[in-house]
């Protein structure tokens, strides 16, 4: 299993480092994968579950898990990859929650008729 954090998606909640501290670290305001942690997570089922939970609970959905074809028979979760592709990549549960709006809420004119 290959584990990576997409820095363009990560907004620094440190949820990954909290849920899987042996695999993820929090550096310079971003979550990062510790060196050699992906190999350890591929072997240790407890670490693997922590990584899967961290990917699922990441609020920005920045954790990318990629599995190689030869690892598929070992109980790895997820849908099968495209035909002919030796590896597959997935983000846990789509693009994630919407980001909060910036600035004050829009003001309605008191004299305007009510809108839909």
PDB file of N, CA and C in Angstrom:
ATOM      1  N   UNK A   1       0.855  -1.177   0.000  1.00  0.00           N
ATOM      2  CA  UNK A   1       0.000   0.000   0.000  1.00  0.00           C
ATOM      3  C   UNK A   1       0.897   1.235   0.000  1.00  0.00           C
ATOM      4  N   UNK A   2       0.575   2.153  -0.878  1.00  0.00           N
ATOM      5  CA  UNK A   2       1.278   3.426  -0.902  1.00  0.00           C
ATOM      6  C   UNK A   2       0.354   4.468  -0.268  1.00  0.00           C
ATOM      7  N   UNK A   3       0.917   5.281   0.618  1.00  0.00           N
ATOM      8  CA  UNK A   3       0.157   6.299   1.327  1.00  0.00           C
ATOM      9  C   UNK A   3       0.770   7.644   0.995  1.00  0.00           C
ATOM     10  N   UNK A   4      -0.055   8.604   0.620  1.00  0.00           N
ATOM     11  CA  UNK A   4       0.451   9.948   0.367  1.00  0.00           C
ATOM     12  C   UNK A   4      -0.579  10.978   0.810  1.00  0.00           C
ATOM     13  N   UNK A   5      -0.118  12.197   1.012  1.00  0.00           N
ATOM     14  CA  UNK A   5      -0.989  13.305   1.384  1.00  0.00           C
ATOM     15  C   UNK A   5      -0.897  14.347   0.279  1.00  0.00           C
ATOM     16  N   UNK A   6      -2.026  14.683  -0.302  1.00  0.00           N
ATOM     17  CA  UNK A   6      -2.092  15.683  -1.357  1.00  0.00           C
ATOM     18  C   UNK A   6      -2.074  17.072  -0.706  1.00  0.00           C
ATOM     19  N   UNK A   7      -0.942  17.759  -0.811  1.00  0.00           N
ATOM     20  CA  UNK A   7      -0.791  19.063  -0.155  1.00  0.00           C
ATOM     21  C   UNK A   7      -1.732  20.119  -0.722  1.00  0.00           C
ATOM     22  N   UNK A   8      -2.150  19.948  -1.957  1.00  0.00           N
ATOM     23  CA  UNK A   8      -3.074  20.935  -2.524  1.00  0.00           C
ATOM     24  C   UNK A   8      -4.469  20.801  -1.905  1.00  0.00           C
ATOM     25  N   UNK A   9      -4.784  19.635  -1.340  1.00  0.00           N
ATOM     26  CA  UNK A   9      -6.073  19.413  -0.693  1.00  0.00           C
ATOM     27  C   UNK A   9      -6.007  19.642   0.823  1.00  0.00           C
ATOM     28  N   UNK A  10      -4.864  19.329   1.433  1.00  0.00           N
ATOM     29  CA  UNK A  10      -4.717  19.384   2.894  1.00  0.00           C
ATOM     30  C   UNK A  10      -4.822  20.816   3.400  1.00  0.00           C
ATOM     31  N   UNK A  11      -5.662  21.016   4.424  1.00  0.00           N
ATOM     32  CA  UNK A  11      -5.713  22.352   5.025  1.00  0.00           C
ATOM     33  C   UNK A  11      -5.309  22.339   6.486  1.00  0.00           C
ATOM     34  N   UNK A  12      -4.593  21.300   6.923  1.00  0.00           N
ATOM     35  CA  UNK A  12      -3.907  21.321   8.197  1.00  0.00           C
ATOM     36  C   UNK A  12      -4.724  21.045   9.435  1.00  0.00           C
ATOM     37  N   UNK A  13      -5.659  20.112   9.392  1.00  0.00           N
ATOM     38  CA  UNK A  13      -6.449  19.803  10.581  1.00  0.00           C
ATOM     39  C   UNK A  13      -5.683  18.899  11.546  1.00  0.00           C
ATOM     40  N   UNK A  14      -4.647  18.223  11.088  1.00  0.00           N
ATOM     41  CA  UNK A  14      -3.821  17.278  11.860  1.00  0.00           C
ATOM     42  C   UNK A  14      -4.611  16.065  12.313  1.00  0.00           C
ATOM     43  N   UNK A  15      -5.741  15.803  11.680  1.00  0.00           N
ATOM     44  CA  UNK A  15      -6.552  14.641  12.022  1.00  0.00           C
ATOM     45  C   UNK A  15      -5.787  13.352  11.738  1.00  0.00           C
ATOM     46  N   UNK A  16      -5.005  13.325  10.677  1.00  0.00           N
ATOM     47  CA  UNK A  16      -4.242  12.120  10.333  1.00  0.00           C
ATOM     48  C   UNK A  16      -3.202  11.808  11.408  1.00  0.00           C
ATOM     49  N   UNK A  17      -2.479  12.827  11.859  1.00  0.00           N
ATOM     50  CA  UNK A  17      -1.454  12.626  12.889  1.00  0.00           C
ATOM     51  C   UNK A  17      -2.075  12.214  14.217  1.00  0.00           C
ATOM     52  N   UNK A  18      -3.298  12.644  14.457  1.00  0.00           N
ATOM     53  CA  UNK A  18      -3.995  12.258  15.687  1.00  0.00           C
ATOM     54  C   UNK A  18      -4.466  10.802  15.617  1.00  0.00           C
ATOM     55  N   UNK A  19      -4.992  10.375  14.472  1.00  0.00           N
ATOM     56  CA  UNK A  19      -5.564   9.034  14.347  1.00  0.00           C
ATOM     57  C   UNK A  19      -4.517   7.953  14.079  1.00  0.00           C
ATOM     58  N   UNK A  20      -3.423   8.287  13.409  1.00  0.00           N
ATOM     59  CA  UNK A  20      -2.375   7.304  13.096  1.00  0.00           C
ATOM     60  C   UNK A  20      -1.002   7.946  13.300  1.00  0.00           C
ATOM     61  N   UNK A  21      -0.609   8.214  14.557  1.00  0.00           N
ATOM     62  CA  UNK A  21       0.645   8.925  14.812  1.00  0.00           C
ATOM     63  C   UNK A  21       1.900   8.161  14.385  1.00  0.00           C
ATOM     64  N   UNK A  22       1.809   6.835  14.261  1.00  0.00           N
ATOM     65  CA  UNK A  22       2.968   6.069  13.817  1.00  0.00           C
ATOM     66  C   UNK A  22       3.199   6.209  12.312  1.00  0.00           C
ATOM     67  N   UNK A  23       2.180   6.664  11.594  1.00  0.00           N
ATOM     68  CA  UNK A  23       2.259   6.756  10.134  1.00  0.00           C
ATOM     69  C   UNK A  23       2.348   8.204   9.659  1.00  0.00           C
ATOM     70  N   UNK A  24       1.596   9.107  10.302  1.00  0.00           N
ATOM     71  CA  UNK A  24       1.540  10.498   9.861  1.00  0.00           C
ATOM     72  C   UNK A  24       2.182  11.432  10.872  1.00  0.00           C
ATOM     73  N   UNK A  25       2.760  12.504  10.367  1.00  0.00           N
ATOM     74  CA  UNK A  25       3.299  13.573  11.205  1.00  0.00           C
ATOM     75  C   UNK A  25       2.690  14.883  10.719  1.00  0.00           C
ATOM     76  N   UNK A  26       2.802  15.904  11.533  1.00  0.00           N
ATOM     77  CA  UNK A  26       2.276  17.223  11.181  1.00  0.00           C
ATOM     78  C   UNK A  26       3.459  18.181  11.110  1.00  0.00           C
ATOM     79  N   UNK A  27       3.796  18.606   9.893  1.00  0.00           N
ATOM     80  CA  UNK A  27       4.959  19.469   9.674  1.00  0.00           C
ATOM     81  C   UNK A  27       4.585  20.640   8.791  1.00  0.00           C
ATOM     82  N   UNK A  28       5.030  21.810   9.170  1.00  0.00           N
ATOM     83  CA  UNK A  28       4.807  23.036   8.396  1.00  0.00           C
ATOM     84  C   UNK A  28       3.338  23.273   8.063  1.00  0.00           C
ATOM     85  N   UNK A  29       2.459  22.870   8.967  1.00  0.00           N
ATOM     86  CA  UNK A  29       1.036  23.102   8.767  1.00  0.00           C
ATOM     87  C   UNK A  29       0.336  22.078   7.892  1.00  0.00           C
ATOM     88  N   UNK A  30       1.032  20.992   7.531  1.00  0.00           N
ATOM     89  CA  UNK A  30       0.451  19.958   6.682  1.00  0.00           C
ATOM     90  C   UNK A  30       0.717  18.583   7.277  1.00  0.00           C
ATOM     91  N   UNK A  31      -0.161  17.641   6.958  1.00  0.00           N
ATOM     92  CA  UNK A  31       0.082  16.254   7.321  1.00  0.00           C
ATOM     93  C   UNK A  31       1.062  15.646   6.333  1.00  0.00           C
ATOM     94  N   UNK A  32       1.999  14.853   6.840  1.00  0.00           N
ATOM     95  CA  UNK A  32       2.970  14.170   5.983  1.00  0.00           C
ATOM     96  C   UNK A  32       3.073  12.712   6.424  1.00  0.00           C
ATOM     97  N   UNK A  33       3.489  11.850   5.508  1.00  0.00           N
ATOM     98  CA  UNK A  33       3.686  10.443   5.810  1.00  0.00           C
ATOM     99  C   UNK A  33       5.114  10.264   6.307  1.00  0.00           C
ATOM    100  N   UNK A  34       5.256   9.596   7.442  1.00  0.00           N
ATOM    101  CA  UNK A  34       6.590   9.341   7.995  1.00  0.00           C
ATOM    102  C   UNK A  34       7.343   8.373   7.072  1.00  0.00           C
ATOM    103  N   UNK A  35       8.653   8.545   6.912  1.00  0.00           N
ATOM    104  CA  UNK A  35       9.428   7.638   6.059  1.00  0.00           C
ATOM    105  C   UNK A  35       9.324   6.189   6.550  1.00  0.00           C
ATOM    106  N   UNK A  36       9.060   5.272   5.639  1.00  0.00           N
ATOM    107  CA  UNK A  36       8.965   3.854   5.958  1.00  0.00           C
ATOM    108  C   UNK A  36       7.643   3.431   6.574  1.00  0.00           C
ATOM    109  N   UNK A  37       6.759   4.370   6.826  1.00  0.00           N
ATOM    110  CA  UNK A  37       5.497   4.041   7.484  1.00  0.00           C
ATOM    111  C   UNK A  37       4.562   3.250   6.576  1.00  0.00           C
ATOM    112  N   UNK A  38       4.616   3.488   5.282  1.00  0.00           N
ATOM    113  CA  UNK A  38       3.738   2.767   4.363  1.00  0.00           C
ATOM    114  C   UNK A  38       4.061   1.271   4.361  1.00  0.00           C
ATOM    115  N   UNK A  39       5.332   0.929   4.423  1.00  0.00           N
ATOM    116  CA  UNK A  39       5.721  -0.475   4.467  1.00  0.00           C
ATOM    117  C   UNK A  39       5.256  -1.117   5.772  1.00  0.00           C
ATOM    118  N   UNK A  40       5.368  -0.390   6.874  1.00  0.00           N
ATOM    119  CA  UNK A  40       4.919  -0.917   8.166  1.00  0.00           C
ATOM    120  C   UNK A  40       3.409  -1.114   8.170  1.00  0.00           C
ATOM    121  N   UNK A  41       2.658  -0.192   7.574  1.00  0.00           N
ATOM    122  CA  UNK A  41       1.201  -0.302   7.528  1.00  0.00           C
ATOM    123  C   UNK A  41       0.754  -1.464   6.643  1.00  0.00           C
ATOM    124  N   UNK A  42       1.567  -1.812   5.647  1.00  0.00           N
ATOM    125  CA  UNK A  42       1.223  -2.935   4.778  1.00  0.00           C
ATOM    126  C   UNK A  42       1.352  -4.265   5.515  1.00  0.00           C
ATOM    127  N   UNK A  43       2.205  -4.311   6.546  1.00  0.00           N
ATOM    128  CA  UNK A  43       2.459  -5.542   7.282  1.00  0.00           C
ATOM    129  C   UNK A  43       1.606  -5.642   8.546  1.00  0.00           C
ATOM    130  N   UNK A  44       1.472  -4.545   9.267  1.00  0.00           N
ATOM    131  CA  UNK A  44       0.787  -4.540  10.561  1.00  0.00           C
ATOM    132  C   UNK A  44      -0.704  -4.221  10.382  1.00  0.00           C
ATOM    133  N   UNK A  45      -1.610  -5.152  10.713  1.00  0.00           N
ATOM    134  CA  UNK A  45      -3.042  -4.896  10.521  1.00  0.00           C
ATOM    135  C   UNK A  45      -3.579  -3.749  11.381  1.00  0.00           C
ATOM    136  N   UNK A  46      -3.007  -3.540  12.559  1.00  0.00           N
ATOM    137  CA  UNK A  46      -3.459  -2.437  13.422  1.00  0.00           C
ATOM    138  C   UNK A  46      -3.134  -1.095  12.772  1.00  0.00           C
ATOM    139  N   UNK A  47      -1.919  -0.956  12.234  1.00  0.00           N
ATOM    140  CA  UNK A  47      -1.550   0.285  11.538  1.00  0.00           C
ATOM    141  C   UNK A  47      -2.393   0.488  10.290  1.00  0.00           C
ATOM    142  N   UNK A  48      -2.668  -0.603   9.588  1.00  0.00           N
ATOM    143  CA  UNK A  48      -3.487  -0.514   8.376  1.00  0.00           C
ATOM    144  C   UNK A  48      -4.878   0.035   8.707  1.00  0.00           C
ATOM    145  N   UNK A  49      -5.481  -0.448   9.782  1.00  0.00           N
ATOM    146  CA  UNK A  49      -6.795   0.059  10.190  1.00  0.00           C
ATOM    147  C   UNK A  49      -6.728   1.534  10.585  1.00  0.00           C
ATOM    148  N   UNK A  50      -5.648   1.928  11.268  1.00  0.00           N
ATOM    149  CA  UNK A  50      -5.486   3.339  11.636  1.00  0.00           C
ATOM    150  C   UNK A  50      -5.382   4.225  10.399  1.00  0.00           C
ATOM    151  N   UNK A  51      -4.640   3.756   9.398  1.00  0.00           N
ATOM    152  CA  UNK A  51      -4.485   4.520   8.157  1.00  0.00           C
ATOM    153  C   UNK A  51      -5.817   4.639   7.428  1.00  0.00           C
ATOM    154  N   UNK A  52      -6.552   3.541   7.343  1.00  0.00           N
ATOM    155  CA  UNK A  52      -7.857   3.577   6.675  1.00  0.00           C
ATOM    156  C   UNK A  52      -8.818   4.513   7.399  1.00  0.00           C
ATOM    157  N   UNK A  53      -8.785   4.497   8.729  1.00  0.00           N
ATOM    158  CA  UNK A  53      -9.640   5.401   9.491  1.00  0.00           C
ATOM    159  C   UNK A  53      -9.221   6.850   9.291  1.00  0.00           C
ATOM    160  N   UNK A  54      -7.905   7.108   9.293  1.00  0.00           N
ATOM    161  CA  UNK A  54      -7.421   8.472   9.077  1.00  0.00           C
ATOM    162  C   UNK A  54      -7.842   8.982   7.704  1.00  0.00           C
ATOM    163  N   UNK A  55      -7.757   8.126   6.684  1.00  0.00           N
ATOM    164  CA  UNK A  55      -8.165   8.530   5.333  1.00  0.00           C
ATOM    165  C   UNK A  55      -9.660   8.810   5.278  1.00  0.00           C
ATOM    166  N   UNK A  56     -10.433   7.992   5.973  1.00  0.00           N
ATOM    167  CA  UNK A  56     -11.882   8.179   5.971  1.00  0.00           C
ATOM    168  C   UNK A  56     -12.299   9.438   6.726  1.00  0.00           C
ATOM    169  N   UNK A  57     -11.626   9.739   7.820  1.00  0.00           N
ATOM    170  CA  UNK A  57     -12.018  10.861   8.673  1.00  0.00           C
ATOM    171  C   UNK A  57     -11.325  12.179   8.315  1.00  0.00           C
ATOM    172  N   UNK A  58     -10.410  12.168   7.362  1.00  0.00           N
ATOM    173  CA  UNK A  58      -9.710  13.400   6.969  1.00  0.00           C
ATOM    174  C   UNK A  58     -10.726  14.418   6.441  1.00  0.00           C
ATOM    175  N   UNK A  59     -10.866  15.575   7.080  1.00  0.00           N
ATOM    176  CA  UNK A  59     -11.893  16.528   6.647  1.00  0.00           C
ATOM    177  C   UNK A  59     -11.664  17.098   5.251  1.00  0.00           C
ATOM    178  N   UNK A  60     -10.414  17.142   4.804  1.00  0.00           N
ATOM    179  CA  UNK A  60     -10.148  17.669   3.463  1.00  0.00           C
ATOM    180  C   UNK A  60      -9.983  16.572   2.426  1.00  0.00           C
ATOM    181  N   UNK A  61     -10.069  15.291   2.868  1.00  0.00           N
ATOM    182  CA  UNK A  61      -9.917  14.147   1.976  1.00  0.00           C
ATOM    183  C   UNK A  61      -8.606  14.212   1.194  1.00  0.00           C
ATOM    184  N   UNK A  62      -7.527  14.570   1.883  1.00  0.00           N
ATOM    185  CA  UNK A  62      -6.230  14.743   1.249  1.00  0.00           C
ATOM    186  C   UNK A  62      -5.379  13.476   1.268  1.00  0.00           C
ATOM    187  N   UNK A  63      -5.788  12.451   1.996  1.00  0.00           N
ATOM    188  CA  UNK A  63      -5.006  11.217   2.078  1.00  0.00           C
ATOM    189  C   UNK A  63      -5.363  10.326   0.897  1.00  0.00           C
ATOM    190  N   UNK A  64      -4.342   9.932   0.144  1.00  0.00           N
ATOM    191  CA  UNK A  64      -4.524   9.083  -1.035  1.00  0.00           C
ATOM    192  C   UNK A  64      -3.887   7.732  -0.742  1.00  0.00           C
ATOM    193  N   UNK A  65      -4.666   6.677  -0.881  1.00  0.00           N
ATOM    194  CA  UNK A  65      -4.184   5.314  -0.679  1.00  0.00           C
ATOM    195  C   UNK A  65      -4.127   4.624  -2.030  1.00  0.00           C
ATOM    196  N   UNK A  66      -2.969   4.062  -2.361  1.00  0.00           N
ATOM    197  CA  UNK A  66      -2.785   3.349  -3.616  1.00  0.00           C
ATOM    198  C   UNK A  66      -2.341   1.940  -3.286  1.00  0.00           C
ATOM    199  N   UNK A  67      -2.995   0.983  -3.897  1.00  0.00           N
ATOM    200  CA  UNK A  67      -2.696  -0.416  -3.626  1.00  0.00           C
ATOM    201  C   UNK A  67      -2.159  -1.073  -4.886  1.00  0.00           C
ATOM    202  N   UNK A  68      -1.163  -1.918  -4.722  1.00  0.00           N
ATOM    203  CA  UNK A  68      -0.635  -2.649  -5.870  1.00  0.00           C
ATOM    204  C   UNK A  68      -1.456  -3.899  -6.120  1.00  0.00           C
ATOM    205  N   UNK A  69      -1.423  -4.358  -7.343  1.00  0.00           N
ATOM    206  CA  UNK A  69      -2.228  -5.509  -7.761  1.00  0.00           C
ATOM    207  C   UNK A  69      -1.933  -6.756  -6.934  1.00  0.00           C
ATOM    208  N   UNK A  70      -0.667  -7.018  -6.614  1.00  0.00           N
ATOM    209  CA  UNK A  70      -0.331  -8.241  -5.893  1.00  0.00           C
ATOM    210  C   UNK A  70      -0.812  -8.219  -4.441  1.00  0.00           C
ATOM    211  N   UNK A  71      -1.196  -7.067  -3.909  1.00  0.00           N
ATOM    212  CA  UNK A  71      -1.691  -6.971  -2.543  1.00  0.00           C
ATOM    213  C   UNK A  71      -3.194  -7.197  -2.459  1.00  0.00           C
ATOM    214  N   UNK A  72      -3.887  -7.287  -3.557  1.00  0.00           N
ATOM    215  CA  UNK A  72      -5.349  -7.371  -3.548  1.00  0.00           C
ATOM    216  C   UNK A  72      -5.880  -8.581  -2.817  1.00  0.00           C
ATOM    217  N   UNK A  73      -5.212  -9.706  -2.897  1.00  0.00           N
ATOM    218  CA  UNK A  73      -5.703 -10.909  -2.258  1.00  0.00           C
ATOM    219  C   UNK A  73      -5.518 -10.919  -0.755  1.00  0.00           C
ATOM    220  N   UNK A  74      -4.976  -9.886  -0.169  1.00  0.00           N
ATOM    221  CA  UNK A  74      -4.666  -9.863   1.258  1.00  0.00           C
ATOM    222  C   UNK A  74      -5.703  -9.124   2.087  1.00  0.00           C
ATOM    223  N   UNK A  75      -6.922  -9.020   1.617  1.00  0.00           N
ATOM    224  CA  UNK A  75      -7.972  -8.415   2.417  1.00  0.00           C
ATOM    225  C   UNK A  75      -7.985  -6.900   2.406  1.00  0.00           C
ATOM    226  N   UNK A  76      -7.461  -6.285   1.361  1.00  0.00           N
ATOM    227  CA  UNK A  76      -7.443  -4.834   1.270  1.00  0.00           C
ATOM    228  C   UNK A  76      -8.809  -4.354   0.809  1.00  0.00           C
ATOM    229  N   UNK A  77      -9.327  -3.320   1.447  1.00  0.00           N
ATOM    230  CA  UNK A  77     -10.658  -2.797   1.123  1.00  0.00           C
ATOM    231  C   UNK A  77     -10.645  -1.977  -0.148  1.00  0.00           C
ATOM    232  N   UNK A  78     -11.837  -1.813  -0.704  1.00  0.00           N
ATOM    233  CA  UNK A  78     -11.992  -0.890  -1.815  1.00  0.00           C
ATOM    234  C   UNK A  78     -12.462  -1.582  -3.069  1.00  0.00           C
ATOM    235  N   UNK A  79     -12.947  -0.808  -4.020  1.00  0.00           N
ATOM    236  CA  UNK A  79     -13.420  -1.375  -5.276  1.00  0.00           C
ATOM    237  C   UNK A  79     -12.247  -1.802  -6.147  1.00  0.00           C
ATOM    238  N   UNK A  80     -12.453  -2.729  -7.067  1.00  0.00           N
ATOM    239  CA  UNK A  80     -11.362  -3.137  -7.950  1.00  0.00           C
ATOM    240  C   UNK A  80     -10.950  -2.002  -8.873  1.00  0.00           C
ATOM    241  N   UNK A  81      -9.702  -2.012  -9.248  1.00  0.00           N
ATOM    242  CA  UNK A  81      -9.169  -0.973 -10.121  1.00  0.00           C
ATOM    243  C   UNK A  81      -9.583  -1.183 -11.560  1.00  0.00           C
ATOM    244  N   UNK A  82      -9.281  -0.217 -12.415  1.00  0.00           N
ATOM    245  CA  UNK A  82      -9.618  -0.350 -13.831  1.00  0.00           C
ATOM    246  C   UNK A  82      -8.861  -1.516 -14.469  1.00  0.00           C
ATOM    247  N   UNK A  83      -9.467  -2.144 -15.464  1.00  0.00           N
ATOM    248  CA  UNK A  83      -8.837  -3.277 -16.141  1.00  0.00           C
ATOM    249  C   UNK A  83      -7.531  -2.844 -16.791  1.00  0.00           C
ATOM    250  N   UNK A  84      -6.516  -3.672 -16.636  1.00  0.00           N
ATOM    251  CA  UNK A  84      -5.229  -3.393 -17.247  1.00  0.00           C
ATOM    252  C   UNK A  84      -4.351  -2.447 -16.444  1.00  0.00           C
ATOM    253  N   UNK A  85      -4.833  -1.902 -15.366  1.00  0.00           N
ATOM    254  CA  UNK A  85      -4.046  -0.984 -14.550  1.00  0.00           C
ATOM    255  C   UNK A  85      -3.451  -1.767 -13.384  1.00  0.00           C
ATOM    256  N   UNK A  86      -2.111  -1.819 -13.228  1.00  0.00           N
ATOM    257  CA  UNK A  86      -1.508  -2.615 -12.172  1.00  0.00           C
ATOM    258  C   UNK A  86      -1.718  -2.047 -10.774  1.00  0.00           C
ATOM    259  N   UNK A  87      -2.166  -0.828 -10.658  1.00  0.00           N
ATOM    260  CA  UNK A  87      -2.433  -0.279  -9.334  1.00  0.00           C
ATOM    261  C   UNK A  87      -3.725   0.515  -9.383  1.00  0.00           C
ATOM    262  N   UNK A  88      -4.251   0.835  -8.229  1.00  0.00           N
ATOM    263  CA  UNK A  88      -5.443   1.656  -8.175  1.00  0.00           C
ATOM    264  C   UNK A  88      -5.257   2.698  -7.091  1.00  0.00           C
ATOM    265  N   UNK A  89      -5.924   3.770  -7.276  1.00  0.00           N
ATOM    266  CA  UNK A  89      -5.832   4.855  -6.313  1.00  0.00           C
ATOM    267  C   UNK A  89      -7.240   5.297  -5.992  1.00  0.00           C
ATOM    268  N   UNK A  90      -7.498   5.623  -4.717  1.00  0.00           N
ATOM    269  CA  UNK A  90      -8.820   6.096  -4.347  1.00  0.00           C
ATOM    270  C   UNK A  90      -8.698   7.086  -3.216  1.00  0.00           C
ATOM    271  N   UNK A  91      -9.624   7.972  -3.180  1.00  0.00           N
ATOM    272  CA  UNK A  91      -9.753   8.865  -2.043  1.00  0.00           C
ATOM    273  C   UNK A  91     -10.883   8.310  -1.200  1.00  0.00           C
ATOM    274  N   UNK A  92     -10.777   8.459   0.072  1.00  0.00           N
ATOM    275  CA  UNK A  92     -11.827   7.956   0.955  1.00  0.00           C
ATOM    276  C   UNK A  92     -13.044   8.868   0.880  1.00  0.00           C
ATOM    277  N   UNK A  93     -14.149   8.348   0.416  1.00  0.00           N
ATOM    278  CA  UNK A  93     -15.464   8.991   0.406  1.00  0.00           C
ATOM    279  C   UNK A  93     -15.534  10.336  -0.290  1.00  0.00           C
ATOM    280  N   UNK A  94     -15.120  10.439  -1.505  1.00  0.00           N
ATOM    281  CA  UNK A  94     -15.393  11.625  -2.308  1.00  0.00           C
ATOM    282  C   UNK A  94     -14.622  12.873  -1.927  1.00  0.00           C
ATOM    283  N   UNK A  95     -15.106  14.033  -2.353  1.00  0.00           N
ATOM    284  CA  UNK A  95     -14.355  15.273  -2.189  1.00  0.00           C
ATOM    285  C   UNK A  95     -14.378  15.860  -0.785  1.00  0.00           C
ATOM    286  N   UNK A  96     -15.208  15.361   0.117  1.00  0.00           N
ATOM    287  CA  UNK A  96     -15.225  15.860   1.486  1.00  0.00           C
ATOM    288  C   UNK A  96     -16.290  16.911   1.711  1.00  0.00           C
ATOM    289  N   UNK A  97     -16.346  17.395   2.933  1.00  0.00           N
ATOM    290  CA  UNK A  97     -17.384  18.369   3.267  1.00  0.00           C
ATOM    291  C   UNK A  97     -17.114  19.716   2.617  1.00  0.00           C
ATOM    292  N   UNK A  98     -18.157  20.505   2.400  1.00  0.00           N
ATOM    293  CA  UNK A  98     -17.929  21.828   1.809  1.00  0.00           C
ATOM    294  C   UNK A  98     -17.164  22.715   2.784  1.00  0.00           C
ATOM    295  N   UNK A  99     -16.334  23.548   2.224  1.00  0.00           N
ATOM    296  CA  UNK A  99     -15.567  24.470   3.065  1.00  0.00           C
ATOM    297  C   UNK A  99     -16.470  25.604   3.534  1.00  0.00           C
ATOM    298  N   UNK A 100     -16.179  26.157   4.702  1.00  0.00           N
ATOM    299  CA  UNK A 100     -17.029  27.242   5.204  1.00  0.00           C
ATOM    300  C   UNK A 100     -16.907  28.485   4.330  1.00  0.00           C
ATOM    301  N   UNK A 101     -17.998  29.244   4.197  1.00  0.00           N
ATOM    302  CA  UNK A 101     -17.918  30.463   3.391  1.00  0.00           C
ATOM    303  C   UNK A 101     -17.072  31.514   4.104  1.00  0.00           C
ATOM    304  N   UNK A 102     -16.454  32.342   3.329  1.00  0.00           N
ATOM    305  CA  UNK A 102     -15.616  33.387   3.888  1.00  0.00           C
ATOM    306  C   UNK A 102     -16.361  34.713   3.858  1.00  0.00           C
ATOM    307  N   UNK A 103     -16.157  35.509   4.876  1.00  0.00           N
ATOM    308  CA  UNK A 103     -16.791  36.812   4.946  1.00  0.00           C
ATOM    309  C   UNK A 103     -18.131  36.745   5.642  1.00  0.00           C
ATOM    310  N   UNK A 104     -18.751  37.886   5.862  1.00  0.00           N
ATOM    311  CA  UNK A 104     -20.052  37.902   6.547  1.00  0.00           C
ATOM    312  C   UNK A 104     -21.148  37.369   5.632  1.00  0.00           C
ATOM    313  N   UNK A 105     -22.231  36.885   6.216  1.00  0.00           N
ATOM    314  CA  UNK A 105     -23.331  36.401   5.381  1.00  0.00           C
ATOM    315  C   UNK A 105     -23.960  37.551   4.592  1.00  0.00           C
ATOM    316  N   UNK A 106     -24.535  37.203   3.468  1.00  0.00           N
ATOM    317  CA  UNK A 106     -25.156  38.221   2.620  1.00  0.00           C
ATOM    318  C   UNK A 106     -26.340  38.844   3.351  1.00  0.00           C
ATOM    319  N   UNK A 107     -26.493  40.141   3.221  1.00  0.00           N
ATOM    320  CA  UNK A 107     -27.604  40.838   3.868  1.00  0.00           C
ATOM    321  C   UNK A 107     -28.744  40.990   2.886  1.00  0.00           C
ATOM    322  N   UNK A 108     -29.937  40.803   3.387  1.00  0.00           N
ATOM    323  CA  UNK A 108     -31.115  40.990   2.557  1.00  0.00           C
ATOM    324  C   UNK A 108     -31.653  42.389   2.779  1.00  0.00           C
ATOM    325  N   UNK A 109     -32.130  42.980   1.720  1.00  0.00           N
ATOM    326  CA  UNK A 109     -32.727  44.313   1.804  1.00  0.00           C
ATOM    327  C   UNK A 109     -34.096  44.185   2.466  1.00  0.00           C
ATOM    328  N   UNK A 110     -34.331  45.014   3.509  1.00  0.00           N
ATOM    329  CA  UNK A 110     -35.586  44.912   4.240  1.00  0.00           C
ATOM    330  C   UNK A 110     -36.791  45.282   3.387  1.00  0.00           C
ATOM    331  N   UNK A 111     -36.583  46.093   2.371  1.00  0.00           N
ATOM    332  CA  UNK A 111     -37.680  46.543   1.549  1.00  0.00           C
ATOM    333  C   UNK A 111     -37.934  45.707   0.316  1.00  0.00           C
ATOM    334  N   UNK A 112     -37.093  44.742   0.060  1.00  0.00           N
ATOM    335  CA  UNK A 112     -37.280  43.878  -1.111  1.00  0.00           C
ATOM    336  C   UNK A 112     -38.319  42.814  -0.779  1.00  0.00           C
ATOM    337  N   UNK A 113     -39.078  42.389  -1.779  1.00  0.00           N
ATOM    338  CA  UNK A 113     -40.045  41.312  -1.528  1.00  0.00           C
ATOM    339  C   UNK A 113     -39.298  40.022  -1.170  1.00  0.00           C
ATOM    340  N   UNK A 114     -39.907  39.191  -0.360  1.00  0.00           N
ATOM    341  CA  UNK A 114     -39.234  37.949   0.038  1.00  0.00           C
ATOM    342  C   UNK A 114     -38.940  37.093  -1.188  1.00  0.00           C
ATOM    343  N   UNK A 115     -37.774  36.513  -1.201  1.00  0.00           N
ATOM    344  CA  UNK A 115     -37.366  35.669  -2.328  1.00  0.00           C
ATOM    345  C   UNK A 115     -37.757  34.227  -2.098  1.00  0.00           C
ATOM    346  N   UNK A 116     -37.480  33.424  -3.082  1.00  0.00           N
ATOM    347  CA  UNK A 116     -37.849  32.002  -2.990  1.00  0.00           C
ATOM    348  C   UNK A 116     -37.040  31.271  -1.958  1.00  0.00           C
TER     349      UNK A 116
END
